[in-house]
PDB file of N, CA and C in Angstrom:
ATOM      1  N   MET A   1       0.858  -0.858   0.362  1.00  0.00           N
ATOM      2  CA  MET A   1       0.126  -0.260   0.112  1.00  0.00           C
ATOM      3  C   MET A   1       0.822   0.867  -0.001  1.00  0.00           C
ATOM      4  N   GLU A   2       0.701   2.368  -0.894  1.00  0.00           N
ATOM      5  CA  GLU A   2       1.411   3.368  -0.891  1.00  0.00           C
ATOM      6  C   GLU A   2       1.050   4.097   0.376  1.00  0.00           C
ATOM      7  N   PRO A   3       2.237   4.812   0.854  1.00  0.00           N
ATOM      8  CA  PRO A   3       2.283   5.578   2.159  1.00  0.00           C
ATOM      9  C   PRO A   3       1.179   6.618   1.881  1.00  0.00           C
ATOM     10  N   ASN A   4       0.811   7.450   0.977  1.00  0.00           N
ATOM     11  CA  ASN A   4      -0.604   8.601   0.764  1.00  0.00           C
ATOM     12  C   ASN A   4      -1.634   7.912   0.892  1.00  0.00           C
ATOM     13  N   ASP A   5      -2.075   6.671   0.479  1.00  0.00           N
ATOM     14  CA  ASP A   5      -3.003   6.120   0.721  1.00  0.00           C
ATOM     15  C   ASP A   5      -3.292   5.671   2.118  1.00  0.00           C
ATOM     16  N   LEU A   6      -1.957   4.960   2.685  1.00  0.00           N
ATOM     17  CA  LEU A   6      -2.606   4.981   4.194  1.00  0.00           C
ATOM     18  C   LEU A   6      -2.981   5.827   5.019  1.00  0.00           C
ATOM     19  N   ARG A   7      -1.688   7.386   4.637  1.00  0.00           N
ATOM     20  CA  ARG A   7      -2.292   8.097   5.453  1.00  0.00           C
ATOM     21  C   ARG A   7      -3.696   8.578   5.315  1.00  0.00           C
ATOM     22  N   ARG A   8      -4.123   8.828   4.224  1.00  0.00           N
ATOM     23  CA  ARG A   8      -5.530   9.022   4.036  1.00  0.00           C
ATOM     24  C   ARG A   8      -6.519   7.861   4.564  1.00  0.00           C
ATOM     25  N   LEU A   9      -6.406   6.689   4.682  1.00  0.00           N
ATOM     26  CA  LEU A   9      -7.113   5.604   5.115  1.00  0.00           C
ATOM     27  C   LEU A   9      -7.466   5.916   6.597  1.00  0.00           C
ATOM     28  N   ARG A  10      -6.206   6.206   7.288  1.00  0.00           N
ATOM     29  CA  ARG A  10      -5.901   6.738   8.436  1.00  0.00           C
ATOM     30  C   ARG A  10      -6.884   7.792   8.919  1.00  0.00           C
ATOM     31  N   GLU A  11      -7.381   8.952   8.090  1.00  0.00           N
ATOM     32  CA  GLU A  11      -7.682   9.800   8.367  1.00  0.00           C
ATOM     33  C   GLU A  11      -9.472   9.537   8.223  1.00  0.00           C
ATOM     34  N   VAL A  12      -9.691   8.252   8.000  1.00  0.00           N
ATOM     35  CA  VAL A  12     -11.169   8.150   8.119  1.00  0.00           C
ATOM     36  C   VAL A  12     -11.454   7.362   8.501  1.00  0.00           C
ATOM     37  N   GLY A  13     -10.407   6.184   9.094  1.00  0.00           N
ATOM     38  CA  GLY A  13     -10.578   5.166   9.618  1.00  0.00           C
ATOM     39  C   GLY A  13     -10.110   4.973  11.417  1.00  0.00           C
ATOM     40  N   THR A  14     -10.297   3.943  11.909  1.00  0.00           N
ATOM     41  CA  THR A  14     -10.266   3.920  13.059  1.00  0.00           C
ATOM     42  C   THR A  14      -9.198   2.782  13.702  1.00  0.00           C
ATOM     43  N   GLU A  15      -8.283   2.707  14.598  1.00  0.00           N
ATOM     44  CA  GLU A  15      -7.098   1.550  14.546  1.00  0.00           C
ATOM     45  C   GLU A  15      -7.442   0.734  15.921  1.00  0.00           C
ATOM     46  N   THR A  16      -7.701  -0.504  15.852  1.00  0.00           N
ATOM     47  CA  THR A  16      -8.073  -1.512  16.809  1.00  0.00           C
ATOM     48  C   THR A  16      -7.302  -2.516  16.996  1.00  0.00           C
ATOM     49  N   ASP A  17      -7.333  -3.193  18.145  1.00  0.00           N
ATOM     50  CA  ASP A  17      -6.363  -4.411  18.316  1.00  0.00           C
ATOM     51  C   ASP A  17      -7.551  -5.204  18.195  1.00  0.00           C
ATOM     52  N   VAL A  18      -7.085  -6.677  17.382  1.00  0.00           N
ATOM     53  CA  VAL A  18      -7.895  -8.034  17.855  1.00  0.00           C
ATOM     54  C   VAL A  18      -7.275  -8.975  17.949  1.00  0.00           C
ATOM     55  N   PRO A  19      -8.232  -9.789  18.771  1.00  0.00           N
ATOM     56  CA  PRO A  19      -7.207 -10.784  19.365  1.00  0.00           C
ATOM     57  C   PRO A  19      -7.516 -12.241  17.978  1.00  0.00           C
ATOM     58  N   ALA A  20      -6.235 -12.891  18.627  1.00  0.00           N
ATOM     59  CA  ALA A  20      -6.380 -14.104  17.811  1.00  0.00           C
ATOM     60  C   ALA A  20      -7.156 -14.652  17.801  1.00  0.00           C
ATOM     61  N   GLY A  21      -7.496 -15.655  16.724  1.00  0.00           N
ATOM     62  CA  GLY A  21      -9.106 -16.157  16.559  1.00  0.00           C
ATOM     63  C   GLY A  21     -10.425 -15.589  16.355  1.00  0.00           C
ATOM     64  N   HIS A  22     -10.332 -14.444  16.510  1.00  0.00           N
ATOM     65  CA  HIS A  22     -11.394 -13.453  15.859  1.00  0.00           C
ATOM     66  C   HIS A  22     -11.561 -13.291  14.721  1.00  0.00           C
ATOM     67  N   VAL A  23     -12.758 -13.229  14.069  1.00  0.00           N
ATOM     68  CA  VAL A  23     -13.446 -13.528  12.775  1.00  0.00           C
ATOM     69  C   VAL A  23     -14.088 -12.003  12.217  1.00  0.00           C
ATOM     70  N   LEU A  24     -12.973 -11.383  11.529  1.00  0.00           N
ATOM     71  CA  LEU A  24     -13.051  -9.923  11.129  1.00  0.00           C
ATOM     72  C   LEU A  24     -14.417  -9.696   9.978  1.00  0.00           C
ATOM     73  N   ILE A  25     -14.375 -10.894   9.272  1.00  0.00           N
ATOM     74  CA  ILE A  25     -15.475 -11.452   8.260  1.00  0.00           C
ATOM     75  C   ILE A  25     -16.070 -12.583   8.123  1.00  0.00           C
ATOM     76  N   GLU A  26     -17.217 -12.748   7.746  1.00  0.00           N
ATOM     77  CA  GLU A  26     -18.058 -13.794   7.686  1.00  0.00           C
ATOM     78  C   GLU A  26     -18.532 -14.174   6.406  1.00  0.00           C
ATOM     79  N   ARG A  27     -18.286 -14.960   5.649  1.00  0.00           N
ATOM     80  CA  ARG A  27     -18.567 -15.012   4.183  1.00  0.00           C
ATOM     81  C   ARG A  27     -20.688 -15.436   4.455  1.00  0.00           C
ATOM     82  N   GLY A  28     -21.025 -14.098   3.037  1.00  0.00           N
ATOM     83  CA  GLY A  28     -22.513 -14.256   3.171  1.00  0.00           C
ATOM     84  C   GLY A  28     -23.146 -12.963   4.161  1.00  0.00           C
ATOM     85  N   GLN A  29     -22.158 -12.666   5.028  1.00  0.00           N
ATOM     86  CA  GLN A  29     -22.680 -11.525   5.591  1.00  0.00           C
ATOM     87  C   GLN A  29     -22.565 -10.371   4.642  1.00  0.00           C
ATOM     88  N   HIS A  30     -23.555  -8.946   5.207  1.00  0.00           N
ATOM     89  CA  HIS A  30     -23.111  -7.706   4.478  1.00  0.00           C
ATOM     90  C   HIS A  30     -22.194  -7.118   5.032  1.00  0.00           C
ATOM     91  N   GLY A  31     -21.343  -6.455   3.800  1.00  0.00           N
ATOM     92  CA  GLY A  31     -20.053  -5.648   3.969  1.00  0.00           C
ATOM     93  C   GLY A  31     -20.195  -4.348   4.261  1.00  0.00           C
ATOM     94  N   ALA A  32     -19.786  -4.017   5.627  1.00  0.00           N
ATOM     95  CA  ALA A  32     -20.034  -2.330   6.235  1.00  0.00           C
ATOM     96  C   ALA A  32     -18.651  -1.881   6.024  1.00  0.00           C
ATOM     97  N   GLY A  33     -17.640  -2.519   5.965  1.00  0.00           N
ATOM     98  CA  GLY A  33     -16.106  -1.662   5.481  1.00  0.00           C
ATOM     99  C   GLY A  33     -15.119  -2.828   5.360  1.00  0.00           C
ATOM    100  N   LEU A  34     -13.994  -2.448   5.343  1.00  0.00           N
ATOM    101  CA  LEU A  34     -12.357  -3.060   5.118  1.00  0.00           C
ATOM    102  C   LEU A  34     -11.867  -2.706   6.366  1.00  0.00           C
ATOM    103  N   TYR A  35     -10.782  -3.759   6.248  1.00  0.00           N
ATOM    104  CA  TYR A  35      -9.751  -3.546   7.186  1.00  0.00           C
ATOM    105  C   TYR A  35      -8.372  -3.565   6.570  1.00  0.00           C
ATOM    106  N   VAL A  36      -7.468  -2.784   7.194  1.00  0.00           N
ATOM    107  CA  VAL A  36      -5.950  -2.634   6.292  1.00  0.00           C
ATOM    108  C   VAL A  36      -5.179  -3.152   7.782  1.00  0.00           C
ATOM    109  N   VAL A  37      -4.420  -4.463   7.050  1.00  0.00           N
ATOM    110  CA  VAL A  37      -3.832  -5.294   8.380  1.00  0.00           C
ATOM    111  C   VAL A  37      -2.403  -4.232   8.506  1.00  0.00           C
ATOM    112  N   LEU A  38      -2.422  -3.897   9.923  1.00  0.00           N
ATOM    113  CA  LEU A  38      -1.306  -3.079  10.128  1.00  0.00           C
ATOM    114  C   LEU A  38      -0.180  -3.604  11.220  1.00  0.00           C
ATOM    115  N   GLU A  39      -0.142  -5.146  11.593  1.00  0.00           N
ATOM    116  CA  GLU A  39       0.523  -5.965  11.929  1.00  0.00           C
ATOM    117  C   GLU A  39      -0.200  -6.983  12.343  1.00  0.00           C
ATOM    118  N   GLY A  40       0.123  -8.270  12.439  1.00  0.00           N
ATOM    119  CA  GLY A  40      -0.415  -9.651  12.449  1.00  0.00           C
ATOM    120  C   GLY A  40      -0.601 -10.117  11.069  1.00  0.00           C
ATOM    121  N   THR A  41      -1.045 -11.235  11.065  1.00  0.00           N
ATOM    122  CA  THR A  41      -2.136 -11.952   9.971  1.00  0.00           C
ATOM    123  C   THR A  41      -3.122 -12.363  10.277  1.00  0.00           C
ATOM    124  N   VAL A  42      -3.748 -12.697   8.924  1.00  0.00           N
ATOM    125  CA  VAL A  42      -5.243 -12.610   8.681  1.00  0.00           C
ATOM    126  C   VAL A  42      -5.346 -14.099   7.869  1.00  0.00           C
ATOM    127  N   LEU A  43      -6.102 -15.179   7.819  1.00  0.00           N
ATOM    128  CA  LEU A  43      -6.359 -16.588   7.315  1.00  0.00           C
ATOM    129  C   LEU A  43      -7.838 -16.182   6.598  1.00  0.00           C
ATOM    130  N   ILE A  44      -7.581 -15.902   4.921  1.00  0.00           N
ATOM    131  CA  ILE A  44      -9.065 -15.773   4.050  1.00  0.00           C
ATOM    132  C   ILE A  44      -8.985 -17.176   3.589  1.00  0.00           C
ATOM    133  N   GLU A  45     -10.072 -16.865   4.001  1.00  0.00           N
ATOM    134  CA  GLU A  45     -10.914 -18.569   3.705  1.00  0.00           C
ATOM    135  C   GLU A  45     -11.906 -18.513   2.120  1.00  0.00           C
ATOM    136  N   ALA A  46     -11.572 -18.475   1.370  1.00  0.00           N
ATOM    137  CA  ALA A  46     -12.595 -18.026   0.023  1.00  0.00           C
ATOM    138  C   ALA A  46     -12.928 -19.070  -0.692  1.00  0.00           C
ATOM    139  N   PRO A  47     -13.747 -19.159  -1.553  1.00  0.00           N
ATOM    140  CA  PRO A  47     -14.257 -20.516  -2.715  1.00  0.00           C
ATOM    141  C   PRO A  47     -12.945 -20.663  -3.502  1.00  0.00           C
ATOM    142  N   GLU A  48     -11.830 -19.528  -3.533  1.00  0.00           N
ATOM    143  CA  GLU A  48     -10.829 -20.422  -4.557  1.00  0.00           C
ATOM    144  C   GLU A  48      -9.654 -20.527  -3.985  1.00  0.00           C
ATOM    145  N   GLY A  49      -9.738 -20.724  -2.473  1.00  0.00           N
ATOM    146  CA  GLY A  49      -9.086 -21.584  -1.413  1.00  0.00           C
ATOM    147  C   GLY A  49      -8.496 -20.472  -0.431  1.00  0.00           C
ATOM    148  N   GLU A  50      -7.586 -21.189   0.539  1.00  0.00           N
ATOM    149  CA  GLU A  50      -7.481 -20.152   1.673  1.00  0.00           C
ATOM    150  C   GLU A  50      -5.652 -19.671   1.617  1.00  0.00           C
ATOM    151  N   ARG A  51      -5.332 -18.413   2.226  1.00  0.00           N
ATOM    152  CA  ARG A  51      -4.402 -17.734   2.123  1.00  0.00           C
ATOM    153  C   ARG A  51      -4.258 -16.928   3.113  1.00  0.00           C
ATOM    154  N   GLU A  52      -3.078 -16.641   3.412  1.00  0.00           N
ATOM    155  CA  GLU A  52      -2.639 -16.092   4.511  1.00  0.00           C
ATOM    156  C   GLU A  52      -2.195 -14.479   4.488  1.00  0.00           C
ATOM    157  N   VAL A  53      -2.413 -13.698   4.791  1.00  0.00           N
ATOM    158  CA  VAL A  53      -2.334 -12.366   4.278  1.00  0.00           C
ATOM    159  C   VAL A  53      -1.638 -11.582   5.645  1.00  0.00           C
ATOM    160  N   GLY A  54      -1.033 -10.710   5.338  1.00  0.00           N
ATOM    161  CA  GLY A  54      -0.156  -9.723   6.663  1.00  0.00           C
ATOM    162  C   GLY A  54      -0.198  -7.852   6.183  1.00  0.00           C
ATOM    163  N   PRO A  55       0.939  -7.607   7.115  1.00  0.00           N
ATOM    164  CA  PRO A  55       1.077  -5.768   6.986  1.00  0.00           C
ATOM    165  C   PRO A  55       0.925  -5.549   5.436  1.00  0.00           C
ATOM    166  N   GLY A  56      -0.165  -4.448   5.698  1.00  0.00           N
ATOM    167  CA  GLY A  56       0.009  -3.696   4.144  1.00  0.00           C
ATOM    168  C   GLY A  56      -1.250  -4.248   3.521  1.00  0.00           C
ATOM    169  N   ASN A  57      -1.593  -5.535   3.375  1.00  0.00           N
ATOM    170  CA  ASN A  57      -2.752  -5.970   3.034  1.00  0.00           C
ATOM    171  C   ASN A  57      -4.063  -5.272   3.516  1.00  0.00           C
ATOM    172  N   VAL A  58      -4.973  -5.488   2.572  1.00  0.00           N
ATOM    173  CA  VAL A  58      -6.313  -5.045   2.494  1.00  0.00           C
ATOM    174  C   VAL A  58      -7.594  -6.291   2.553  1.00  0.00           C
ATOM    175  N   VAL A  59      -8.525  -5.921   3.331  1.00  0.00           N
ATOM    176  CA  VAL A  59      -9.336  -7.480   3.343  1.00  0.00           C
ATOM    177  C   VAL A  59     -10.693  -6.987   3.850  1.00  0.00           C
ATOM    178  N   GLY A  60     -11.700  -7.272   2.957  1.00  0.00           N
ATOM    179  CA  GLY A  60     -13.288  -6.730   2.963  1.00  0.00           C
ATOM    180  C   GLY A  60     -13.537  -5.813   1.891  1.00  0.00           C
ATOM    181  N   GLU A  61     -12.701  -5.470   1.271  1.00  0.00           N
ATOM    182  CA  GLU A  61     -13.324  -4.373  -0.115  1.00  0.00           C
ATOM    183  C   GLU A  61     -14.111  -5.135  -1.000  1.00  0.00           C
ATOM    184  N   ARG A  62     -14.201  -6.324  -1.283  1.00  0.00           N
ATOM    185  CA  ARG A  62     -14.493  -6.496  -2.516  1.00  0.00           C
ATOM    186  C   ARG A  62     -16.351  -6.595  -2.292  1.00  0.00           C
ATOM    187  N   ALA A  63     -17.002  -6.165  -1.037  1.00  0.00           N
ATOM    188  CA  ALA A  63     -18.209  -6.355  -0.396  1.00  0.00           C
ATOM    189  C   ALA A  63     -18.543  -5.268  -0.664  1.00  0.00           C
ATOM    190  N   LEU A  64     -17.662  -3.552  -0.551  1.00  0.00           N
ATOM    191  CA  LEU A  64     -17.743  -2.309  -0.671  1.00  0.00           C
ATOM    192  C   LEU A  64     -18.050  -2.375  -2.070  1.00  0.00           C
ATOM    193  N   LEU A  65     -17.153  -2.990  -3.377  1.00  0.00           N
ATOM    194  CA  LEU A  65     -17.507  -2.693  -4.547  1.00  0.00           C
ATOM    195  C   LEU A  65     -18.713  -3.675  -5.289  1.00  0.00           C
ATOM    196  N   SER A  66     -18.839  -4.484  -4.948  1.00  0.00           N
ATOM    197  CA  SER A  66     -19.953  -5.286  -4.977  1.00  0.00           C
ATOM    198  C   SER A  66     -21.583  -4.863  -5.243  1.00  0.00           C
ATOM    199  N   ALA A  67     -22.170  -4.974  -6.190  1.00  0.00           N
ATOM    200  CA  ALA A  67     -23.946  -4.352  -5.843  1.00  0.00           C
ATOM    201  C   ALA A  67     -24.552  -4.589  -4.738  1.00  0.00           C
ATOM    202  N   ASP A  68     -24.408  -6.087  -4.961  1.00  0.00           N
ATOM    203  CA  ASP A  68     -25.629  -6.860  -3.295  1.00  0.00           C
ATOM    204  C   ASP A  68     -24.821  -6.274  -1.664  1.00  0.00           C
ATOM    205  N   GLY A  69     -22.994  -5.869  -2.093  1.00  0.00           N
ATOM    206  CA  GLY A  69     -22.463  -5.876  -0.556  1.00  0.00           C
ATOM    207  C   GLY A  69     -22.083  -6.849  -0.379  1.00  0.00           C
ATOM    208  N   THR A  70     -22.806  -8.155  -0.614  1.00  0.00           N
ATOM    209  CA  THR A  70     -22.373  -9.183   0.201  1.00  0.00           C
ATOM    210  C   THR A  70     -20.816 -10.144   0.457  1.00  0.00           C
ATOM    211  N   ARG A  71     -20.352 -10.196   1.485  1.00  0.00           N
ATOM    212  CA  ARG A  71     -18.691 -10.445   1.685  1.00  0.00           C
ATOM    213  C   ARG A  71     -18.709 -12.257   0.932  1.00  0.00           C
ATOM    214  N   THR A  72     -17.619 -12.307   0.450  1.00  0.00           N
ATOM    215  CA  THR A  72     -17.100 -13.728  -0.523  1.00  0.00           C
ATOM    216  C   THR A  72     -16.401 -14.693  -0.065  1.00  0.00           C
ATOM    217  N   ALA A  73     -16.011 -14.025   0.870  1.00  0.00           N
ATOM    218  CA  ALA A  73     -15.189 -14.918   2.104  1.00  0.00           C
ATOM    219  C   ALA A  73     -14.807 -14.553   3.838  1.00  0.00           C
ATOM    220  N   ARG A  74     -14.238 -15.310   4.143  1.00  0.00           N
ATOM    221  CA  ARG A  74     -14.085 -15.306   5.661  1.00  0.00           C
ATOM    222  C   ARG A  74     -12.867 -14.839   5.932  1.00  0.00           C
ATOM    223  N   ALA A  75     -12.395 -13.653   6.729  1.00  0.00           N
ATOM    224  CA  ALA A  75     -11.173 -13.597   7.987  1.00  0.00           C
ATOM    225  C   ALA A  75     -11.246 -13.874   8.889  1.00  0.00           C
ATOM    226  N   ARG A  76     -10.141 -14.555   9.309  1.00  0.00           N
ATOM    227  CA  ARG A  76      -9.814 -14.795  10.746  1.00  0.00           C
ATOM    228  C   ARG A  76      -8.417 -14.388  11.147  1.00  0.00           C
ATOM    229  N   ALA A  77      -8.583 -13.993  11.954  1.00  0.00           N
ATOM    230  CA  ALA A  77      -7.103 -13.512  13.098  1.00  0.00           C
ATOM    231  C   ALA A  77      -6.490 -15.117  13.352  1.00  0.00           C
ATOM    232  N   THR A  78      -5.044 -14.755  12.688  1.00  0.00           N
ATOM    233  CA  THR A  78      -4.690 -16.111  13.011  1.00  0.00           C
ATOM    234  C   THR A  78      -3.228 -15.895  14.118  1.00  0.00           C
ATOM    235  N   THR A  79      -3.313 -14.565  14.414  1.00  0.00           N
ATOM    236  CA  THR A  79      -2.284 -14.122  15.302  1.00  0.00           C
ATOM    237  C   THR A  79      -3.092 -12.538  15.977  1.00  0.00           C
ATOM    238  N   PRO A  80      -2.380 -12.030  16.995  1.00  0.00           N
ATOM    239  CA  PRO A  80      -2.892 -10.719  17.505  1.00  0.00           C
ATOM    240  C   PRO A  80      -3.010  -9.900  16.539  1.00  0.00           C
ATOM    241  N   LEU A  81      -3.874  -8.878  16.140  1.00  0.00           N
ATOM    242  CA  LEU A  81      -3.701  -8.310  15.085  1.00  0.00           C
ATOM    243  C   LEU A  81      -3.616  -6.731  15.561  1.00  0.00           C
ATOM    244  N   ARG A  82      -3.348  -5.838  14.827  1.00  0.00           N
ATOM    245  CA  ARG A  82      -3.837  -4.053  14.824  1.00  0.00           C
ATOM    246  C   ARG A  82      -4.187  -3.976  13.351  1.00  0.00           C
ATOM    247  N   VAL A  83      -5.403  -3.836  13.342  1.00  0.00           N
ATOM    248  CA  VAL A  83      -5.838  -3.118  12.229  1.00  0.00           C
ATOM    249  C   VAL A  83      -6.635  -1.865  11.780  1.00  0.00           C
ATOM    250  N   LEU A  84      -6.786  -1.246  10.927  1.00  0.00           N
ATOM    251  CA  LEU A  84      -7.134  -0.144  10.295  1.00  0.00           C
ATOM    252  C   LEU A  84      -8.479  -0.485   9.950  1.00  0.00           C
ATOM    253  N   ALA A  85      -9.600  -0.232  10.515  1.00  0.00           N
ATOM    254  CA  ALA A  85     -10.982  -0.711  10.393  1.00  0.00           C
ATOM    255  C   ALA A  85     -11.421   0.861   9.446  1.00  0.00           C
ATOM    256  N   VAL A  86     -11.694   0.927   8.110  1.00  0.00           N
ATOM    257  CA  VAL A  86     -12.857   1.595   7.707  1.00  0.00           C
ATOM    258  C   VAL A  86     -13.864   1.524   7.263  1.00  0.00           C
ATOM    259  N   ASP A  87     -14.827   2.191   7.220  1.00  0.00           N
ATOM    260  CA  ASP A  87     -16.399   1.942   7.343  1.00  0.00           C
ATOM    261  C   ASP A  87     -16.720   2.598   5.993  1.00  0.00           C
ATOM    262  N   ARG A  88     -17.879   2.285   4.947  1.00  0.00           N
ATOM    263  CA  ARG A  88     -18.603   2.338   4.027  1.00  0.00           C
ATOM    264  C   ARG A  88     -18.624   3.760   3.651  1.00  0.00           C
ATOM    265  N   ALA A  89     -19.028   4.727   4.415  1.00  0.00           N
ATOM    266  CA  ALA A  89     -18.796   6.269   4.111  1.00  0.00           C
ATOM    267  C   ALA A  89     -17.597   6.785   4.016  1.00  0.00           C
ATOM    268  N   GLY A  90     -16.560   6.225   4.884  1.00  0.00           N
ATOM    269  CA  GLY A  90     -15.256   6.919   4.472  1.00  0.00           C
ATOM    270  C   GLY A  90     -14.236   6.573   3.520  1.00  0.00           C
ATOM    271  N   PHE A  91     -14.662   5.246   3.080  1.00  0.00           N
ATOM    272  CA  PHE A  91     -14.315   4.498   1.878  1.00  0.00           C
ATOM    273  C   PHE A  91     -15.104   5.143   0.576  1.00  0.00           C
ATOM    274  N   ASP A  92     -16.660   5.556   0.879  1.00  0.00           N
ATOM    275  CA  ASP A  92     -17.003   6.402  -0.243  1.00  0.00           C
ATOM    276  C   ASP A  92     -16.400   7.727  -0.554  1.00  0.00           C
ATOM    277  N   ARG A  93     -16.226   8.647   0.834  1.00  0.00           N
ATOM    278  CA  ARG A  93     -15.169   9.715   0.799  1.00  0.00           C
ATOM    279  C   ARG A  93     -14.176   9.910   0.039  1.00  0.00           C
ATOM    280  N   LEU A  94     -13.335   8.903   0.470  1.00  0.00           N
ATOM    281  CA  LEU A  94     -11.868   8.427  -0.561  1.00  0.00           C
ATOM    282  C   LEU A  94     -12.064   8.338  -1.646  1.00  0.00           C
ATOM    283  N   CYS A  95     -13.023   7.674  -2.160  1.00  0.00           N
ATOM    284  CA  CYS A  95     -13.387   7.050  -3.721  1.00  0.00           C
ATOM    285  C   CYS A  95     -13.604   8.208  -4.499  1.00  0.00           C
ATOM    286  N   ALA A  96     -14.518   9.062  -3.745  1.00  0.00           N
ATOM    287  CA  ALA A  96     -15.106  10.153  -4.187  1.00  0.00           C
ATOM    288  C   ALA A  96     -13.893  11.570  -4.846  1.00  0.00           C
ATOM    289  N   ALA A  97     -13.178  11.371  -3.913  1.00  0.00           N
ATOM    290  CA  ALA A  97     -12.156  12.482  -3.886  1.00  0.00           C
ATOM    291  C   ALA A  97     -11.074  12.258  -5.069  1.00  0.00           C
ATOM    292  N   ASP A  98     -10.839  10.313  -5.254  1.00  0.00           N
ATOM    293  CA  ASP A  98      -9.861  10.163  -5.866  1.00  0.00           C
ATOM    294  C   ASP A  98      -9.905   9.087  -6.621  1.00  0.00           C
ATOM    295  N   PRO A  99     -10.793   9.382  -7.938  1.00  0.00           N
ATOM    296  CA  PRO A  99     -11.325   7.944  -8.373  1.00  0.00           C
ATOM    297  C   PRO A  99      -9.923   7.027  -8.432  1.00  0.00           C
ATOM    298  N   SER A 100      -8.885   7.185  -8.618  1.00  0.00           N
ATOM    299  CA  SER A 100      -7.635   6.291  -8.924  1.00  0.00           C
ATOM    300  C   SER A 100      -7.477   5.350  -7.842  1.00  0.00           C
ATOM    301  N   PHE A 101      -7.973   6.053  -6.506  1.00  0.00           N
ATOM    302  CA  PHE A 101      -7.781   5.201  -5.319  1.00  0.00           C
ATOM    303  C   PHE A 101      -8.089   4.023  -5.622  1.00  0.00           C
ATOM    304  N   LEU A 102      -9.258   3.503  -6.030  1.00  0.00           N
ATOM    305  CA  LEU A 102      -9.856   1.937  -6.438  1.00  0.00           C
ATOM    306  C   LEU A 102      -8.787   1.171  -6.945  1.00  0.00           C
ATOM    307  N   GLU A 103      -8.149   1.795  -8.116  1.00  0.00           N
ATOM    308  CA  GLU A 103      -7.263   1.086  -8.754  1.00  0.00           C
ATOM    309  C   GLU A 103      -5.852   0.745  -7.610  1.00  0.00           C
ATOM    310  N   ARG A 104      -5.510   1.679  -6.929  1.00  0.00           N
ATOM    311  CA  ARG A 104      -4.348   1.582  -5.790  1.00  0.00           C
ATOM    312  C   ARG A 104      -4.914   0.466  -4.724  1.00  0.00           C
ATOM    313  N   LEU A 105      -5.901   0.448  -4.073  1.00  0.00           N
ATOM    314  CA  LEU A 105      -6.295  -0.362  -3.485  1.00  0.00           C
ATOM    315  C   LEU A 105      -5.902  -1.578  -3.781  1.00  0.00           C
ATOM    316  N   ASP A 106      -6.946  -1.836  -5.424  1.00  0.00           N
ATOM    317  CA  ASP A 106      -7.149  -3.153  -5.673  1.00  0.00           C
ATOM    318  C   ASP A 106      -5.319  -4.231  -5.502  1.00  0.00           C
ATOM    319  N   ARG A 107      -4.581  -3.114  -5.818  1.00  0.00           N
ATOM    320  CA  ARG A 107      -3.348  -3.913  -5.897  1.00  0.00           C
ATOM    321  C   ARG A 107      -2.885  -3.940  -4.484  1.00  0.00           C
ATOM    322  N   ALA A 108      -3.599  -3.607  -3.399  1.00  0.00           N
ATOM    323  CA  ALA A 108      -2.878  -4.240  -1.609  1.00  0.00           C
ATOM    324  C   ALA A 108      -3.834  -5.114  -1.315  1.00  0.00           C
ATOM    325  N   SER A 109      -4.845  -5.266  -1.758  1.00  0.00           N
ATOM    326  CA  SER A 109      -5.810  -6.481  -1.864  1.00  0.00           C
ATOM    327  C   SER A 109      -5.420  -7.570  -1.479  1.00  0.00           C
ATOM    328  N   ALA A 110      -6.236  -8.612  -0.406  1.00  0.00           N
ATOM    329  CA  ALA A 110      -5.685  -9.941  -0.223  1.00  0.00           C
ATOM    330  C   ALA A 110      -6.650 -10.731  -1.633  1.00  0.00           C
TER     331      ALA A 110
END
């Protein structure tokens, strides 16, 4: 993730600690926001398989971009995490202010 984009996400998001084992995202649920992993690792369980992601990766953005807003994967903390939580309203403000933000975010997506 580009430092300027992370700075902008910090302006609209909230840093929070998450314990190991906590489910951040549940498949099939409505997506209300996204998470930027700052510290720790997250297991992504998606139809295409499982993968682990860490600092700098973004999880949960797909639901914000889809028409129905449904989560397509499950994301669970495999270690204690520090994440930046960004709600839909903050995400929408960033996208409106900078249309190329989505393209850069896509490169940082899990």
